[in-house]
N, C-alpha and C. Protein backbone atom coordinates (compact mmCIF):
# COMPACT_ATOMS: atom_id res chain seq x y z
N MET A 1 -5.71 25.52 -21.38
CA MET A 1 -6.76 25.53 -20.44
C MET A 1 -6.39 24.61 -19.30
N LYS A 2 -6.53 24.98 -17.98
CA LYS A 2 -6.26 24.25 -16.83
C LYS A 2 -7.37 23.30 -16.55
N PRO A 3 -7.04 21.95 -16.38
CA PRO A 3 -8.10 21.00 -15.98
C PRO A 3 -8.86 21.40 -14.82
N GLU A 4 -10.20 21.06 -14.81
CA GLU A 4 -11.06 21.34 -13.71
C GLU A 4 -10.65 20.65 -12.35
N ARG A 5 -10.64 21.38 -11.27
CA ARG A 5 -10.30 20.81 -10.01
C ARG A 5 -11.65 20.31 -9.40
N PHE A 6 -11.63 19.07 -8.87
CA PHE A 6 -12.86 18.66 -8.28
C PHE A 6 -13.27 19.23 -6.97
N ASP A 7 -12.27 19.14 -6.13
CA ASP A 7 -12.42 19.78 -4.76
C ASP A 7 -11.00 20.16 -4.34
N GLU A 8 -10.81 21.26 -3.55
CA GLU A 8 -9.56 21.66 -3.13
C GLU A 8 -8.84 20.35 -2.40
N GLY A 9 -7.62 20.23 -2.74
CA GLY A 9 -6.79 19.11 -2.13
C GLY A 9 -7.09 17.79 -2.87
N ARG A 10 -7.92 17.73 -3.90
CA ARG A 10 -8.10 16.45 -4.63
C ARG A 10 -7.35 16.54 -5.92
N PHE A 11 -7.40 15.56 -6.68
CA PHE A 11 -6.71 15.43 -7.89
C PHE A 11 -7.53 15.85 -9.09
N GLU A 12 -6.91 16.44 -10.02
CA GLU A 12 -7.44 17.00 -11.32
C GLU A 12 -7.70 15.86 -12.29
N PHE A 13 -8.69 16.06 -13.12
CA PHE A 13 -8.88 15.15 -14.27
C PHE A 13 -7.59 15.18 -15.12
N GLY A 14 -7.03 13.91 -15.48
CA GLY A 14 -5.87 13.81 -16.24
C GLY A 14 -4.63 13.92 -15.43
N GLU A 15 -4.70 14.16 -14.16
CA GLU A 15 -3.37 14.26 -13.27
C GLU A 15 -2.86 12.87 -13.09
N GLU A 16 -1.57 12.78 -13.10
CA GLU A 16 -0.87 11.62 -12.81
C GLU A 16 -0.78 11.38 -11.29
N VAL A 17 -1.05 10.17 -10.87
CA VAL A 17 -1.07 9.81 -9.54
C VAL A 17 -0.36 8.45 -9.26
N ARG A 18 0.04 8.22 -8.14
CA ARG A 18 0.70 7.05 -7.74
C ARG A 18 -0.14 6.29 -6.73
N VAL A 19 -0.34 4.94 -6.90
CA VAL A 19 -1.14 4.12 -5.97
C VAL A 19 -0.08 3.68 -4.86
N THR A 20 -0.61 3.70 -3.63
CA THR A 20 0.41 3.52 -2.45
C THR A 20 0.24 2.14 -1.83
N ARG A 21 -0.75 1.34 -2.32
CA ARG A 21 -0.96 -0.04 -1.91
C ARG A 21 -1.30 -0.95 -3.06
N ASN A 22 -1.05 -2.17 -2.96
CA ASN A 22 -1.58 -3.15 -3.93
C ASN A 22 -3.12 -3.13 -4.08
N ILE A 23 -3.62 -3.12 -5.21
CA ILE A 23 -4.96 -3.10 -5.48
C ILE A 23 -5.52 -4.34 -5.96
N ARG A 24 -6.34 -5.10 -5.18
CA ARG A 24 -6.81 -6.41 -5.52
C ARG A 24 -8.30 -6.30 -5.93
N ASN A 25 -8.72 -7.30 -6.58
CA ASN A 25 -10.20 -7.28 -6.96
C ASN A 25 -11.04 -7.60 -5.70
N ASP A 26 -11.85 -6.73 -5.37
CA ASP A 26 -12.79 -6.87 -4.29
C ASP A 26 -14.05 -7.52 -4.69
N GLY A 27 -14.17 -7.93 -5.95
CA GLY A 27 -15.30 -8.48 -6.50
C GLY A 27 -15.96 -7.49 -7.44
N THR A 28 -15.45 -6.33 -7.59
CA THR A 28 -16.12 -5.42 -8.42
C THR A 28 -15.61 -5.34 -9.84
N TYR A 29 -14.30 -5.96 -9.92
CA TYR A 29 -13.56 -5.92 -11.27
C TYR A 29 -14.13 -7.14 -11.92
N PRO A 30 -14.77 -6.94 -13.22
CA PRO A 30 -15.30 -8.14 -13.89
C PRO A 30 -14.23 -9.03 -14.56
N GLY A 31 -14.59 -10.26 -14.60
CA GLY A 31 -13.74 -11.20 -15.31
C GLY A 31 -12.47 -11.72 -14.53
N MET A 32 -12.37 -11.36 -13.34
CA MET A 32 -11.24 -11.82 -12.45
C MET A 32 -11.73 -12.27 -11.19
N ASP A 33 -11.02 -13.21 -10.59
CA ASP A 33 -11.31 -13.81 -9.32
C ASP A 33 -11.07 -12.75 -8.14
N VAL A 34 -11.94 -12.80 -7.11
CA VAL A 34 -11.70 -11.91 -5.94
C VAL A 34 -10.39 -12.20 -5.34
N GLY A 35 -9.58 -11.15 -5.09
CA GLY A 35 -8.22 -11.33 -4.48
C GLY A 35 -7.16 -11.16 -5.55
N THR A 36 -7.37 -11.28 -6.82
CA THR A 36 -6.46 -11.09 -7.74
C THR A 36 -5.82 -9.75 -7.83
N LEU A 37 -4.50 -9.78 -7.95
CA LEU A 37 -3.83 -8.45 -8.03
C LEU A 37 -4.17 -7.65 -9.32
N LEU A 38 -4.62 -6.54 -9.21
CA LEU A 38 -5.00 -5.58 -10.33
C LEU A 38 -3.87 -4.63 -10.70
N VAL A 39 -3.26 -4.01 -9.56
CA VAL A 39 -2.32 -3.00 -9.80
C VAL A 39 -1.33 -3.04 -8.54
N ARG A 40 -0.06 -3.00 -8.89
CA ARG A 40 0.96 -3.11 -7.85
C ARG A 40 1.15 -1.73 -7.20
N ARG A 41 1.40 -1.68 -5.84
CA ARG A 41 1.78 -0.44 -5.26
C ARG A 41 2.92 0.23 -5.95
N GLY A 42 2.84 1.49 -6.03
CA GLY A 42 3.96 2.34 -6.76
C GLY A 42 3.63 2.63 -8.21
N SER A 43 2.69 1.91 -8.78
CA SER A 43 2.22 2.13 -10.20
C SER A 43 1.63 3.56 -10.37
N ILE A 44 1.91 4.04 -11.64
CA ILE A 44 1.37 5.36 -11.96
C ILE A 44 0.22 5.33 -12.98
N GLY A 45 -0.78 6.10 -12.68
CA GLY A 45 -1.92 6.26 -13.64
C GLY A 45 -2.35 7.58 -13.70
N ASN A 46 -3.42 7.77 -14.45
CA ASN A 46 -4.06 9.14 -14.64
C ASN A 46 -5.43 9.10 -14.24
N VAL A 47 -6.01 10.09 -13.51
CA VAL A 47 -7.30 10.30 -12.97
C VAL A 47 -8.25 10.53 -14.26
N VAL A 48 -9.19 9.65 -14.38
CA VAL A 48 -10.17 9.92 -15.50
C VAL A 48 -11.52 10.13 -15.06
N GLU A 49 -11.88 9.92 -13.80
CA GLU A 49 -13.27 10.29 -13.39
C GLU A 49 -13.24 10.31 -11.92
N VAL A 50 -14.14 11.01 -11.25
CA VAL A 50 -14.41 11.04 -9.77
C VAL A 50 -15.83 10.80 -9.57
N GLY A 51 -16.06 9.95 -8.50
CA GLY A 51 -17.39 9.70 -8.07
C GLY A 51 -17.45 9.39 -6.56
N THR A 52 -18.69 8.89 -6.27
CA THR A 52 -18.73 8.54 -4.70
C THR A 52 -19.24 7.05 -4.61
N PHE A 53 -19.08 6.50 -3.49
CA PHE A 53 -19.41 5.16 -3.22
C PHE A 53 -20.24 5.21 -1.91
N LEU A 54 -21.40 4.72 -1.72
CA LEU A 54 -22.12 4.73 -0.61
C LEU A 54 -22.39 6.10 0.08
N GLN A 55 -22.35 7.15 -0.85
CA GLN A 55 -22.65 8.51 -0.65
C GLN A 55 -21.66 9.24 0.24
N ASP A 56 -20.55 8.56 0.66
CA ASP A 56 -19.63 9.25 1.70
C ASP A 56 -18.18 9.03 1.26
N GLN A 57 -17.96 8.20 0.32
CA GLN A 57 -16.53 7.88 -0.07
C GLN A 57 -16.27 8.52 -1.43
N THR A 58 -15.34 9.29 -1.61
CA THR A 58 -14.94 9.69 -2.98
C THR A 58 -14.01 8.73 -3.60
N ILE A 59 -14.37 8.27 -4.80
CA ILE A 59 -13.59 7.22 -5.57
C ILE A 59 -13.11 7.93 -6.75
N PHE A 60 -11.78 7.78 -6.99
CA PHE A 60 -11.18 8.29 -8.24
C PHE A 60 -10.94 7.03 -9.11
N THR A 61 -11.52 7.11 -10.45
CA THR A 61 -11.16 6.08 -11.41
C THR A 61 -9.74 6.44 -12.01
N VAL A 62 -8.88 5.60 -11.86
CA VAL A 62 -7.57 5.84 -12.42
C VAL A 62 -7.27 4.86 -13.49
N HIS A 63 -6.78 5.41 -14.60
CA HIS A 63 -6.34 4.50 -15.71
C HIS A 63 -4.87 4.23 -15.53
N PHE A 64 -4.45 2.93 -15.28
CA PHE A 64 -3.14 2.53 -15.33
C PHE A 64 -2.72 1.90 -16.57
N LEU A 65 -2.23 2.78 -17.48
CA LEU A 65 -1.99 2.40 -18.84
C LEU A 65 -1.14 1.20 -18.95
N GLN A 66 0.04 1.02 -18.20
CA GLN A 66 0.92 0.06 -18.27
C GLN A 66 0.25 -1.31 -17.99
N GLN A 67 -0.75 -1.32 -17.13
CA GLN A 67 -1.51 -2.47 -16.72
C GLN A 67 -2.68 -2.79 -17.69
N GLY A 68 -3.05 -1.69 -18.33
CA GLY A 68 -4.18 -1.74 -19.19
C GLY A 68 -5.48 -1.91 -18.32
N ARG A 69 -5.61 -1.21 -17.19
CA ARG A 69 -6.75 -1.34 -16.30
C ARG A 69 -7.20 0.10 -15.79
N MET A 70 -8.55 0.17 -15.64
CA MET A 70 -9.01 1.37 -14.97
C MET A 70 -9.69 0.90 -13.62
N VAL A 71 -9.13 1.39 -12.55
CA VAL A 71 -9.45 1.01 -11.21
C VAL A 71 -9.92 2.10 -10.33
N GLY A 72 -10.94 1.83 -9.43
CA GLY A 72 -11.35 2.74 -8.43
C GLY A 72 -10.46 2.82 -7.35
N CYS A 73 -10.00 4.07 -6.92
CA CYS A 73 -9.18 4.15 -5.78
C CYS A 73 -9.61 5.35 -4.88
N ARG A 74 -9.47 5.06 -3.49
CA ARG A 74 -9.83 6.12 -2.54
C ARG A 74 -8.59 7.07 -2.43
N LEU A 75 -9.00 8.32 -1.97
CA LEU A 75 -7.99 9.31 -1.94
C LEU A 75 -6.81 8.95 -0.96
N GLU A 76 -7.05 8.16 -0.05
CA GLU A 76 -5.87 7.74 0.92
C GLU A 76 -4.97 6.84 0.23
N GLU A 77 -5.40 6.11 -0.93
CA GLU A 77 -4.47 5.22 -1.62
C GLU A 77 -3.61 5.82 -2.67
N LEU A 78 -3.86 7.18 -2.86
CA LEU A 78 -3.19 7.80 -3.91
C LEU A 78 -2.21 9.02 -3.51
N LEU A 79 -1.17 9.22 -4.22
CA LEU A 79 -0.20 10.26 -4.04
C LEU A 79 -0.14 11.03 -5.27
N GLY A 80 -0.03 12.34 -5.31
CA GLY A 80 0.34 13.11 -6.55
C GLY A 80 1.76 12.62 -6.88
N ILE A 81 2.01 12.76 -8.35
CA ILE A 81 3.16 12.17 -8.94
C ILE A 81 4.42 12.93 -8.32
N ASP A 82 4.36 14.20 -7.86
CA ASP A 82 5.41 14.84 -7.40
C ASP A 82 5.61 14.70 -5.88
N GLU A 83 4.76 14.01 -5.25
CA GLU A 83 4.90 13.74 -3.83
C GLU A 83 5.97 12.70 -3.53
N PRO A 84 6.72 12.85 -2.45
CA PRO A 84 7.75 11.82 -2.22
C PRO A 84 7.13 10.35 -2.12
N TRP A 85 7.83 9.43 -2.48
CA TRP A 85 7.40 8.17 -2.66
C TRP A 85 8.69 7.23 -2.36
N GLN A 86 8.58 6.42 -1.31
CA GLN A 86 9.49 5.42 -0.96
C GLN A 86 9.01 4.06 -1.01
N PRO A 87 9.44 3.31 -1.89
CA PRO A 87 8.87 1.82 -2.05
C PRO A 87 9.04 1.19 -0.65
N SER A 88 8.15 0.28 -0.45
CA SER A 88 8.29 -0.60 0.86
C SER A 88 8.06 -2.02 0.33
N ARG A 89 8.59 -3.04 1.13
CA ARG A 89 8.33 -4.41 0.78
C ARG A 89 6.99 -4.98 1.29
N PHE A 90 6.47 -4.32 2.28
CA PHE A 90 5.26 -4.79 2.94
C PHE A 90 4.21 -3.68 2.95
N GLU A 91 3.04 -4.02 3.22
CA GLU A 91 1.89 -3.02 3.41
C GLU A 91 1.00 -3.42 4.52
N PHE A 92 0.03 -2.59 4.89
CA PHE A 92 -1.00 -2.95 5.89
C PHE A 92 -1.54 -4.28 5.77
N ARG A 93 -1.59 -4.96 6.80
CA ARG A 93 -2.19 -6.25 6.95
C ARG A 93 -1.31 -7.40 6.41
N ASP A 94 -0.19 -7.19 5.80
CA ASP A 94 0.75 -8.19 5.42
C ASP A 94 1.32 -8.98 6.64
N LYS A 95 1.39 -10.35 6.55
CA LYS A 95 1.95 -11.14 7.51
C LYS A 95 3.39 -11.22 7.22
N VAL A 96 4.15 -11.05 8.36
CA VAL A 96 5.62 -11.01 8.31
C VAL A 96 6.17 -11.99 9.39
N LEU A 97 7.49 -12.39 9.11
CA LEU A 97 8.29 -13.08 10.21
C LEU A 97 9.45 -12.16 10.63
N CYS A 98 9.74 -12.14 11.80
CA CYS A 98 10.88 -11.49 12.43
C CYS A 98 12.18 -12.12 12.00
N ALA A 99 13.10 -11.43 11.37
CA ALA A 99 14.30 -12.00 10.77
C ALA A 99 15.42 -12.11 11.94
N VAL A 100 15.17 -11.30 12.96
CA VAL A 100 16.12 -11.34 14.12
C VAL A 100 15.37 -11.30 15.42
N ASP A 101 16.05 -11.62 16.52
CA ASP A 101 15.32 -11.48 17.80
C ASP A 101 15.32 -9.96 18.05
N LEU A 102 14.06 -9.50 18.57
CA LEU A 102 13.93 -8.07 18.97
C LEU A 102 13.98 -8.12 20.52
N ALA A 103 14.92 -7.34 21.02
CA ALA A 103 15.27 -7.24 22.38
C ALA A 103 15.33 -5.89 22.94
N VAL A 104 15.09 -5.61 24.11
CA VAL A 104 15.13 -4.34 24.93
C VAL A 104 16.00 -4.71 26.10
N GLN A 105 17.13 -3.99 26.29
CA GLN A 105 18.17 -4.22 27.34
C GLN A 105 18.43 -5.71 27.57
N GLY A 106 18.64 -6.29 26.41
CA GLY A 106 19.02 -7.84 26.61
C GLY A 106 17.88 -8.88 26.75
N GLU A 107 16.64 -8.31 26.98
CA GLU A 107 15.55 -9.21 27.18
C GLU A 107 14.92 -9.40 25.77
N ILE A 108 14.72 -10.59 25.19
CA ILE A 108 14.21 -10.85 23.93
C ILE A 108 12.67 -10.76 24.20
N LEU A 109 12.05 -9.83 23.41
CA LEU A 109 10.60 -9.69 23.58
C LEU A 109 9.92 -10.36 22.33
N VAL A 110 10.58 -10.40 21.13
CA VAL A 110 10.03 -11.13 20.04
C VAL A 110 11.14 -11.96 19.44
N ALA A 111 10.93 -13.25 19.48
CA ALA A 111 12.02 -14.21 18.99
C ALA A 111 12.02 -14.28 17.46
N ARG A 112 13.19 -14.56 16.83
CA ARG A 112 13.35 -14.67 15.52
C ARG A 112 12.32 -15.79 15.02
N GLU A 113 11.85 -15.46 13.80
CA GLU A 113 10.78 -16.32 13.15
C GLU A 113 9.45 -16.20 13.72
N SER A 114 9.21 -15.26 14.67
CA SER A 114 7.87 -15.02 15.18
C SER A 114 7.07 -14.31 14.10
N GLN A 115 5.70 -14.67 14.08
CA GLN A 115 4.88 -14.15 13.06
C GLN A 115 4.24 -12.96 13.55
N GLY A 116 4.13 -11.84 12.70
CA GLY A 116 3.49 -10.62 13.07
C GLY A 116 2.59 -10.05 11.95
N GLU A 117 1.87 -9.01 12.18
CA GLU A 117 1.00 -8.43 11.10
C GLU A 117 1.38 -6.90 11.05
N ILE A 118 1.58 -6.47 9.83
CA ILE A 118 1.74 -4.93 9.53
C ILE A 118 0.58 -4.27 9.98
N MET A 119 0.82 -3.19 10.89
CA MET A 119 -0.31 -2.43 11.15
C MET A 119 -0.22 -0.97 10.60
N LYS A 120 1.00 -0.51 10.26
CA LYS A 120 1.27 0.75 9.64
C LYS A 120 2.68 0.75 8.97
N VAL A 121 2.67 1.47 7.85
CA VAL A 121 3.94 1.57 7.06
C VAL A 121 4.35 3.08 7.35
N ILE A 122 5.57 3.24 7.79
CA ILE A 122 6.34 4.45 8.04
C ILE A 122 7.35 4.81 6.99
N ARG A 123 6.90 5.50 5.94
CA ARG A 123 7.79 5.66 4.86
C ARG A 123 8.79 6.76 4.90
N ASP A 124 8.73 7.69 5.97
CA ASP A 124 9.46 8.84 6.08
C ASP A 124 10.74 8.53 6.89
N LEU A 125 11.03 7.35 7.20
CA LEU A 125 12.28 6.82 7.84
C LEU A 125 13.06 6.08 6.89
N GLU A 126 14.36 6.10 6.94
CA GLU A 126 15.32 5.33 6.17
C GLU A 126 16.03 4.37 6.96
N PRO A 127 15.82 3.13 6.77
CA PRO A 127 14.98 2.40 5.86
C PRO A 127 13.52 2.58 6.26
N VAL A 128 12.67 2.22 5.44
CA VAL A 128 11.17 2.17 5.83
C VAL A 128 10.96 1.32 7.15
N HIS A 129 10.18 1.85 8.05
CA HIS A 129 9.77 1.19 9.28
C HIS A 129 8.41 0.76 9.26
N TYR A 130 8.04 -0.19 10.10
CA TYR A 130 6.69 -0.57 10.27
C TYR A 130 6.27 -0.74 11.76
N HIS A 131 5.04 -0.52 11.96
CA HIS A 131 4.43 -0.92 13.25
C HIS A 131 3.91 -2.32 13.03
N VAL A 132 4.41 -3.21 13.83
CA VAL A 132 4.17 -4.68 13.61
C VAL A 132 3.48 -5.18 14.93
N LEU A 133 2.40 -5.83 14.83
CA LEU A 133 1.70 -6.58 15.86
C LEU A 133 2.19 -7.94 16.10
N PHE A 134 2.98 -8.18 17.09
CA PHE A 134 3.32 -9.56 17.45
C PHE A 134 2.58 -9.93 18.70
N LYS A 135 1.69 -10.91 18.58
CA LYS A 135 0.81 -11.44 19.67
C LYS A 135 0.04 -10.25 20.15
N ASP A 136 0.29 -9.65 21.23
CA ASP A 136 -0.57 -8.60 21.90
C ASP A 136 0.19 -7.34 21.95
N ARG A 137 1.36 -7.13 21.36
CA ARG A 137 2.22 -5.81 21.40
C ARG A 137 2.56 -5.40 19.99
N VAL A 138 2.70 -4.07 19.98
CA VAL A 138 3.07 -3.45 18.60
C VAL A 138 4.46 -2.95 18.90
N PHE A 139 5.35 -3.25 17.87
CA PHE A 139 6.72 -2.90 17.93
C PHE A 139 7.03 -2.05 16.55
N GLN A 140 7.85 -1.06 16.72
CA GLN A 140 8.32 -0.35 15.38
C GLN A 140 9.63 -1.11 14.93
N VAL A 141 9.58 -1.66 13.79
CA VAL A 141 10.68 -2.49 13.27
C VAL A 141 11.10 -2.05 11.87
N PRO A 142 12.44 -2.00 11.65
CA PRO A 142 12.91 -1.63 10.32
C PRO A 142 12.79 -2.72 9.36
N GLU A 143 12.60 -2.30 8.08
CA GLU A 143 12.34 -3.31 7.04
C GLU A 143 13.30 -4.45 6.95
N PRO A 144 14.62 -4.24 7.13
CA PRO A 144 15.56 -5.30 7.00
C PRO A 144 15.38 -6.33 7.99
N ALA A 145 14.61 -6.01 9.09
CA ALA A 145 14.46 -7.02 10.17
C ALA A 145 13.17 -7.86 10.05
N LEU A 146 12.59 -7.81 8.80
CA LEU A 146 11.42 -8.60 8.46
C LEU A 146 11.51 -9.34 7.18
N ASN A 147 10.78 -10.53 7.14
CA ASN A 147 10.70 -11.37 5.92
C ASN A 147 9.24 -11.64 5.77
N PRO A 148 8.82 -11.94 4.54
CA PRO A 148 7.47 -12.31 4.31
C PRO A 148 7.11 -13.56 4.95
N ALA A 149 5.97 -13.73 5.61
CA ALA A 149 5.45 -14.97 6.31
C ALA A 149 5.24 -15.98 5.30
N TYR A 150 4.71 -15.64 4.10
CA TYR A 150 4.33 -16.65 3.08
C TYR A 150 5.19 -16.31 1.72
N PRO A 151 6.46 -16.57 1.72
CA PRO A 151 7.21 -16.18 0.50
C PRO A 151 6.64 -16.61 -0.84
N GLU A 152 5.97 -17.79 -0.86
CA GLU A 152 5.50 -18.38 -2.08
C GLU A 152 4.37 -17.46 -2.70
N THR A 153 3.69 -16.58 -1.89
CA THR A 153 2.59 -15.76 -2.36
C THR A 153 3.15 -14.22 -2.30
N PHE A 154 4.30 -13.95 -1.79
CA PHE A 154 4.72 -12.59 -1.67
C PHE A 154 5.03 -11.89 -3.00
N ILE A 155 4.65 -10.73 -3.25
CA ILE A 155 4.81 -9.92 -4.43
C ILE A 155 5.92 -8.93 -4.12
N GLU A 156 7.15 -9.18 -4.66
CA GLU A 156 8.25 -8.17 -4.45
C GLU A 156 7.90 -6.89 -5.17
N PRO A 157 7.89 -5.79 -4.46
CA PRO A 157 7.56 -4.42 -5.18
C PRO A 157 8.63 -4.02 -6.28
N GLU A 158 8.09 -3.34 -7.11
CA GLU A 158 8.96 -2.71 -8.16
C GLU A 158 9.46 -1.37 -7.65
N SER A 159 10.79 -1.01 -7.85
CA SER A 159 11.16 0.33 -7.41
C SER A 159 10.72 1.43 -8.25
């Protein structure tokens, strides 16, 4: 018997999914401090329930067996297990340092060690690229040209 489909384009009960960003406690996960990492991006779990939050957001409860946690995820945070996935070192809002000078026609626009913020992850390029906000300009930067701004708190992704 085929599992029930919640809505067209949504995940089925029991379906394996991959989370695309680190999931941290926003205060709704009991017994852990706000900001604590619950599930690493790239982790695989199974959809166990679907519901809504504030009447307009669909939330999928996903059981991440390896982590022993059930976590609510929005649709945009999930990929089907057969969808292409390319791990990335950084995600939206991560603070980064430029590992090299970024220049156009010899003019340095972003100096090495300048701090920026990830605005978008572009996984369909090899290597992964990012839109990074440096001061008041956004640049598309390949992953090898970036380092974590705070290495002591950086979580290296699992492949």
